[in-house]
Amino acid sequence: MPSLARGSLFVDLCTSLIISARFAPWHVGEQTMAEEQLPEVINQLRSLEQEKLLFIYDRGYISIKFIE
């Protein structure tokens, strides 16, 4: 049976805790999901007084639009 959904996670690499998780239909792209999650993750971390943020993405996220 083919996949019917796509998942997107933001994980704290120091603690291995999931900061944000989303599931969407398979036709929604990974970049789209990450772009929607990123502002929420930034706001969440800044509310915890985390100002120095570094995000590492795996392959498939390399585009000028996404980096901006």
PDB file of N, CA and C in Angstrom:
ATOM      1  N   MET A   1       0.847  -1.177   0.000  1.00  0.00           N
ATOM      2  CA  MET A   1       0.000   0.000   0.000  1.00  0.00           C
ATOM      3  C   MET A   1       0.895   1.244   0.000  1.00  0.00           C
ATOM      4  N   PRO A   2       0.616   2.225  -0.845  1.00  0.00           N
ATOM      5  CA  PRO A   2       1.446   3.433  -0.900  1.00  0.00           C
ATOM      6  C   PRO A   2       1.232   4.321   0.321  1.00  0.00           C
ATOM      7  N   SER A   3       2.200   5.190   0.573  1.00  0.00           N
ATOM      8  CA  SER A   3       2.078   6.135   1.687  1.00  0.00           C
ATOM      9  C   SER A   3       0.929   7.094   1.415  1.00  0.00           C
ATOM     10  N   LEU A   4       0.212   7.429   2.471  1.00  0.00           N
ATOM     11  CA  LEU A   4      -0.926   8.329   2.336  1.00  0.00           C
ATOM     12  C   LEU A   4      -0.707   9.647   3.056  1.00  0.00           C
ATOM     13  N   ALA A   5       0.401   9.763   3.790  1.00  0.00           N
ATOM     14  CA  ALA A   5       0.660  10.982   4.556  1.00  0.00           C
ATOM     15  C   ALA A   5       2.150  11.276   4.564  1.00  0.00           C
ATOM     16  N   ARG A   6       2.463  12.513   4.921  1.00  0.00           N
ATOM     17  CA  ARG A   6       3.854  12.953   5.040  1.00  0.00           C
ATOM     18  C   ARG A   6       3.998  13.580   6.432  1.00  0.00           C
ATOM     19  N   GLY A   7       5.135  13.353   7.060  1.00  0.00           N
ATOM     20  CA  GLY A   7       5.389  13.912   8.385  1.00  0.00           C
ATOM     21  C   GLY A   7       6.555  14.884   8.355  1.00  0.00           C
ATOM     22  N   SER A   8       6.507  15.878   9.223  1.00  0.00           N
ATOM     23  CA  SER A   8       7.573  16.861   9.344  1.00  0.00           C
ATOM     24  C   SER A   8       7.850  17.088  10.818  1.00  0.00           C
ATOM     25  N   LEU A   9       9.126  16.962  11.207  1.00  0.00           N
ATOM     26  CA  LEU A   9       9.515  17.117  12.607  1.00  0.00           C
ATOM     27  C   LEU A   9      10.609  18.164  12.769  1.00  0.00           C
ATOM     28  N   PHE A  10      10.530  18.924  13.840  1.00  0.00           N
ATOM     29  CA  PHE A  10      11.632  19.754  14.300  1.00  0.00           C
ATOM     30  C   PHE A  10      12.080  19.124  15.608  1.00  0.00           C
ATOM     31  N   VAL A  11      13.329  18.695  15.667  1.00  0.00           N
ATOM     32  CA  VAL A  11      13.859  17.979  16.819  1.00  0.00           C
ATOM     33  C   VAL A  11      15.018  18.753  17.416  1.00  0.00           C
ATOM     34  N   ASP A  12      15.032  18.880  18.748  1.00  0.00           N
ATOM     35  CA  ASP A  12      16.171  19.479  19.449  1.00  0.00           C
ATOM     36  C   ASP A  12      17.271  18.419  19.482  1.00  0.00           C
ATOM     37  N   LEU A  13      18.369  18.681  18.804  1.00  0.00           N
ATOM     38  CA  LEU A  13      19.432  17.679  18.700  1.00  0.00           C
ATOM     39  C   LEU A  13      20.162  17.439  20.014  1.00  0.00           C
ATOM     40  N   CYS A  14      20.092  18.395  20.945  1.00  0.00           N
ATOM     41  CA  CYS A  14      20.766  18.216  22.241  1.00  0.00           C
ATOM     42  C   CYS A  14      19.968  17.314  23.176  1.00  0.00           C
ATOM     43  N   THR A  15      18.634  17.402  23.111  1.00  0.00           N
ATOM     44  CA  THR A  15      17.793  16.642  24.029  1.00  0.00           C
ATOM     45  C   THR A  15      17.007  15.521  23.356  1.00  0.00           C
ATOM     46  N   SER A  16      17.003  15.509  22.027  1.00  0.00           N
ATOM     47  CA  SER A  16      16.218  14.562  21.224  1.00  0.00           C
ATOM     48  C   SER A  16      14.710  14.729  21.412  1.00  0.00           C
ATOM     49  N   LEU A  17      14.284  15.874  21.930  1.00  0.00           N
ATOM     50  CA  LEU A  17      12.863  16.145  22.098  1.00  0.00           C
ATOM     51  C   LEU A  17      12.292  16.727  20.808  1.00  0.00           C
ATOM     52  N   ILE A  18      11.095  16.321  20.477  1.00  0.00           N
ATOM     53  CA  ILE A  18      10.410  16.853  19.307  1.00  0.00           C
ATOM     54  C   ILE A  18       9.797  18.193  19.696  1.00  0.00           C
ATOM     55  N   ILE A  19      10.176  19.237  18.982  1.00  0.00           N
ATOM     56  CA  ILE A  19       9.671  20.584  19.252  1.00  0.00           C
ATOM     57  C   ILE A  19       8.345  20.802  18.523  1.00  0.00           C
ATOM     58  N   SER A  20       8.246  20.278  17.320  1.00  0.00           N
ATOM     59  CA  SER A  20       7.037  20.441  16.521  1.00  0.00           C
ATOM     60  C   SER A  20       6.907  19.245  15.589  1.00  0.00           C
ATOM     61  N   ALA A  21       5.680  18.792  15.412  1.00  0.00           N
ATOM     62  CA  ALA A  21       5.420  17.675  14.494  1.00  0.00           C
ATOM     63  C   ALA A  21       4.143  17.962  13.727  1.00  0.00           C
ATOM     64  N   ARG A  22       4.163  17.627  12.457  1.00  0.00           N
ATOM     65  CA  ARG A  22       2.994  17.819  11.606  1.00  0.00           C
ATOM     66  C   ARG A  22       2.832  16.625  10.684  1.00  0.00           C
ATOM     67  N   PHE A  23       1.586  16.325  10.391  1.00  0.00           N
ATOM     68  CA  PHE A  23       1.266  15.342   9.371  1.00  0.00           C
ATOM     69  C   PHE A  23       0.351  16.013   8.362  1.00  0.00           C
ATOM     70  N   ALA A  24       0.537  15.676   7.106  1.00  0.00           N
ATOM     71  CA  ALA A  24      -0.263  16.260   6.025  1.00  0.00           C
ATOM     72  C   ALA A  24      -0.457  15.205   4.944  1.00  0.00           C
ATOM     73  N   PRO A  25      -1.395  15.445   4.049  1.00  0.00           N
ATOM     74  CA  PRO A  25      -1.565  14.513   2.928  1.00  0.00           C
ATOM     75  C   PRO A  25      -0.270  14.416   2.114  1.00  0.00           C
ATOM     76  N   TRP A  26      -0.088  13.303   1.459  1.00  0.00           N
ATOM     77  CA  TRP A  26       1.145  13.018   0.725  1.00  0.00           C
ATOM     78  C   TRP A  26       1.470  14.086  -0.308  1.00  0.00           C
ATOM     79  N   HIS A  27       0.471  14.711  -0.904  1.00  0.00           N
ATOM     80  CA  HIS A  27       0.725  15.691  -1.967  1.00  0.00           C
ATOM     81  C   HIS A  27       1.300  17.015  -1.443  1.00  0.00           C
ATOM     82  N   VAL A  28       1.262  17.249  -0.126  1.00  0.00           N
ATOM     83  CA  VAL A  28       1.852  18.461   0.453  1.00  0.00           C
ATOM     84  C   VAL A  28       3.352  18.222   0.593  1.00  0.00           C
ATOM     85  N   GLY A  29       4.171  19.116   0.075  1.00  0.00           N
ATOM     86  CA  GLY A  29       5.619  18.932   0.070  1.00  0.00           C
ATOM     87  C   GLY A  29       6.282  19.190   1.416  1.00  0.00           C
ATOM     88  N   GLU A  30       7.465  18.622   1.591  1.00  0.00           N
ATOM     89  CA  GLU A  30       8.228  18.794   2.831  1.00  0.00           C
ATOM     90  C   GLU A  30       8.577  20.259   3.076  1.00  0.00           C
ATOM     91  N   GLN A  31       8.997  20.964   2.029  1.00  0.00           N
ATOM     92  CA  GLN A  31       9.356  22.371   2.186  1.00  0.00           C
ATOM     93  C   GLN A  31       8.158  23.193   2.632  1.00  0.00           C
ATOM     94  N   THR A  32       7.009  22.928   2.076  1.00  0.00           N
ATOM     95  CA  THR A  32       5.795  23.649   2.459  1.00  0.00           C
ATOM     96  C   THR A  32       5.496  23.441   3.932  1.00  0.00           C
ATOM     97  N   MET A  33       5.601  22.208   4.377  1.00  0.00           N
ATOM     98  CA  MET A  33       5.333  21.911   5.792  1.00  0.00           C
ATOM     99  C   MET A  33       6.340  22.613   6.693  1.00  0.00           C
ATOM    100  N   ALA A  34       7.611  22.548   6.328  1.00  0.00           N
ATOM    101  CA  ALA A  34       8.655  23.181   7.141  1.00  0.00           C
ATOM    102  C   ALA A  34       8.489  24.697   7.175  1.00  0.00           C
ATOM    103  N   GLU A  35       8.127  25.304   6.037  1.00  0.00           N
ATOM    104  CA  GLU A  35       7.910  26.748   5.989  1.00  0.00           C
ATOM    105  C   GLU A  35       6.767  27.168   6.909  1.00  0.00           C
ATOM    106  N   GLU A  36       5.742  26.354   7.015  1.00  0.00           N
ATOM    107  CA  GLU A  36       4.615  26.655   7.900  1.00  0.00           C
ATOM    108  C   GLU A  36       4.999  26.483   9.370  1.00  0.00           C
ATOM    109  N   GLN A  37       5.833  25.493   9.661  1.00  0.00           N
ATOM    110  CA  GLN A  37       6.225  25.216  11.041  1.00  0.00           C
ATOM    111  C   GLN A  37       7.264  26.183  11.583  1.00  0.00           C
ATOM    112  N   LEU A  38       8.170  26.629  10.743  1.00  0.00           N
ATOM    113  CA  LEU A  38       9.319  27.404  11.200  1.00  0.00           C
ATOM    114  C   LEU A  38       8.951  28.626  12.039  1.00  0.00           C
ATOM    115  N   PRO A  39       8.019  29.490  11.617  1.00  0.00           N
ATOM    116  CA  PRO A  39       7.690  30.643  12.461  1.00  0.00           C
ATOM    117  C   PRO A  39       7.161  30.239  13.843  1.00  0.00           C
ATOM    118  N   GLU A  40       6.377  29.172  13.896  1.00  0.00           N
ATOM    119  CA  GLU A  40       5.850  28.686  15.177  1.00  0.00           C
ATOM    120  C   GLU A  40       6.973  28.181  16.071  1.00  0.00           C
ATOM    121  N   VAL A  41       7.914  27.462  15.490  1.00  0.00           N
ATOM    122  CA  VAL A  41       9.045  26.935  16.258  1.00  0.00           C
ATOM    123  C   VAL A  41       9.907  28.087  16.782  1.00  0.00           C
ATOM    124  N   ILE A  42      10.159  29.077  15.936  1.00  0.00           N
ATOM    125  CA  ILE A  42      10.958  30.229  16.364  1.00  0.00           C
ATOM    126  C   ILE A  42      10.264  30.955  17.513  1.00  0.00           C
ATOM    127  N   ASN A  43       8.971  31.210  17.390  1.00  0.00           N
ATOM    128  CA  ASN A  43       8.232  31.882  18.466  1.00  0.00           C
ATOM    129  C   ASN A  43       8.251  31.074  19.753  1.00  0.00           C
ATOM    130  N   GLN A  44       8.098  29.778  19.622  1.00  0.00           N
ATOM    131  CA  GLN A  44       8.103  28.899  20.789  1.00  0.00           C
ATOM    132  C   GLN A  44       9.459  28.951  21.491  1.00  0.00           C
ATOM    133  N   LEU A  45      10.543  28.861  20.741  1.00  0.00           N
ATOM    134  CA  LEU A  45      11.875  28.876  21.341  1.00  0.00           C
ATOM    135  C   LEU A  45      12.215  30.249  21.927  1.00  0.00           C
ATOM    136  N   ARG A  46      11.816  31.311  21.255  1.00  0.00           N
ATOM    137  CA  ARG A  46      12.077  32.656  21.783  1.00  0.00           C
ATOM    138  C   ARG A  46      11.285  32.914  23.057  1.00  0.00           C
ATOM    139  N   SER A  47      10.107  32.335  23.180  1.00  0.00           N
ATOM    140  CA  SER A  47       9.338  32.490  24.417  1.00  0.00           C
ATOM    141  C   SER A  47      10.047  31.812  25.591  1.00  0.00           C
ATOM    142  N   LEU A  48      10.933  30.882  25.277  1.00  0.00           N
ATOM    143  CA  LEU A  48      11.746  30.208  26.298  1.00  0.00           C
ATOM    144  C   LEU A  48      13.119  30.865  26.437  1.00  0.00           C
ATOM    145  N   GLU A  49      13.228  32.092  25.892  1.00  0.00           N
ATOM    146  CA  GLU A  49      14.453  32.894  25.957  1.00  0.00           C
ATOM    147  C   GLU A  49      15.626  32.256  25.216  1.00  0.00           C
ATOM    148  N   GLN A  50      15.315  31.509  24.172  1.00  0.00           N
ATOM    149  CA  GLN A  50      16.349  30.941  23.308  1.00  0.00           C
ATOM    150  C   GLN A  50      16.499  31.874  22.112  1.00  0.00           C
ATOM    151  N   GLU A  51      17.575  32.620  22.064  1.00  0.00           N
ATOM    152  CA  GLU A  51      17.769  33.596  20.995  1.00  0.00           C
ATOM    153  C   GLU A  51      18.755  33.122  19.929  1.00  0.00           C
ATOM    154  N   LYS A  52      19.661  32.242  20.269  1.00  0.00           N
ATOM    155  CA  LYS A  52      20.642  31.737  19.310  1.00  0.00           C
ATOM    156  C   LYS A  52      20.114  30.429  18.734  1.00  0.00           C
ATOM    157  N   LEU A  53      19.530  30.528  17.549  1.00  0.00           N
ATOM    158  CA  LEU A  53      18.877  29.373  16.938  1.00  0.00           C
ATOM    159  C   LEU A  53      19.634  28.941  15.689  1.00  0.00           C
ATOM    160  N   LEU A  54      19.808  27.655  15.549  1.00  0.00           N
ATOM    161  CA  LEU A  54      20.447  27.075  14.369  1.00  0.00           C
ATOM    162  C   LEU A  54      19.565  25.922  13.902  1.00  0.00           C
ATOM    163  N   PHE A  55      19.176  25.974  12.646  1.00  0.00           N
ATOM    164  CA  PHE A  55      18.340  24.922  12.078  1.00  0.00           C
ATOM    165  C   PHE A  55      19.138  24.168  11.036  1.00  0.00           C
ATOM    166  N   ILE A  56      19.109  22.849  11.121  1.00  0.00           N
ATOM    167  CA  ILE A  56      19.813  21.980  10.176  1.00  0.00           C
ATOM    168  C   ILE A  56      18.757  21.132   9.470  1.00  0.00           C
ATOM    169  N   TYR A  57      18.752  21.218   8.156  1.00  0.00           N
ATOM    170  CA  TYR A  57      17.787  20.464   7.356  1.00  0.00           C
ATOM    171  C   TYR A  57      18.530  19.419   6.541  1.00  0.00           C
ATOM    172  N   ASP A  58      17.851  18.326   6.240  1.00  0.00           N
ATOM    173  CA  ASP A  58      18.468  17.309   5.403  1.00  0.00           C
ATOM    174  C   ASP A  58      18.243  17.645   3.934  1.00  0.00           C
ATOM    175  N   ARG A  59      18.637  16.763   3.076  1.00  0.00           N
ATOM    176  CA  ARG A  59      18.538  17.003   1.640  1.00  0.00           C
ATOM    177  C   ARG A  59      17.092  17.331   1.254  1.00  0.00           C
ATOM    178  N   GLY A  60      16.949  18.026   0.158  1.00  0.00           N
ATOM    179  CA  GLY A  60      15.616  18.352  -0.320  1.00  0.00           C
ATOM    180  C   GLY A  60      15.137  19.733   0.081  1.00  0.00           C
ATOM    181  N   TYR A  61      15.866  20.403   0.957  1.00  0.00           N
ATOM    182  CA  TYR A  61      15.447  21.719   1.412  1.00  0.00           C
ATOM    183  C   TYR A  61      16.293  22.831   0.796  1.00  0.00           C
ATOM    184  N   ILE A  62      17.156  22.491  -0.135  1.00  0.00           N
ATOM    185  CA  ILE A  62      18.049  23.507  -0.691  1.00  0.00           C
ATOM    186  C   ILE A  62      17.347  24.283  -1.794  1.00  0.00           C
ATOM    187  N   SER A  63      16.966  25.495  -1.444  1.00  0.00           N
ATOM    188  CA  SER A  63      16.438  26.430  -2.423  1.00  0.00           C
ATOM    189  C   SER A  63      16.626  27.832  -1.846  1.00  0.00           C
ATOM    190  N   ILE A  64      16.837  28.786  -2.699  1.00  0.00           N
ATOM    191  CA  ILE A  64      17.035  30.174  -2.259  1.00  0.00           C
ATOM    192  C   ILE A  64      15.780  30.651  -1.519  1.00  0.00           C
ATOM    193  N   LYS A  65      14.622  30.319  -2.040  1.00  0.00           N
ATOM    194  CA  LYS A  65      13.362  30.741  -1.409  1.00  0.00           C
ATOM    195  C   LYS A  65      13.268  30.210   0.021  1.00  0.00           C
ATOM    196  N   PHE A  66      13.584  28.957   0.213  1.00  0.00           N
ATOM    197  CA  PHE A  66      13.477  28.376   1.545  1.00  0.00           C
ATOM    198  C   PHE A  66      14.489  28.983   2.501  1.00  0.00           C
ATOM    199  N   ILE A  67      15.706  29.200   2.036  1.00  0.00           N
ATOM    200  CA  ILE A  67      16.767  29.770   2.889  1.00  0.00           C
ATOM    201  C   ILE A  67      16.396  31.179   3.339  1.00  0.00           C
ATOM    202  N   GLU A  68      15.808  31.963   2.421  1.00  0.00           N
ATOM    203  CA  GLU A  68      15.404  33.325   2.780  1.00  0.00           C
ATOM    204  C   GLU A  68      14.318  33.294   3.813  1.00  0.00           C
TER     205      GLU A  68
END
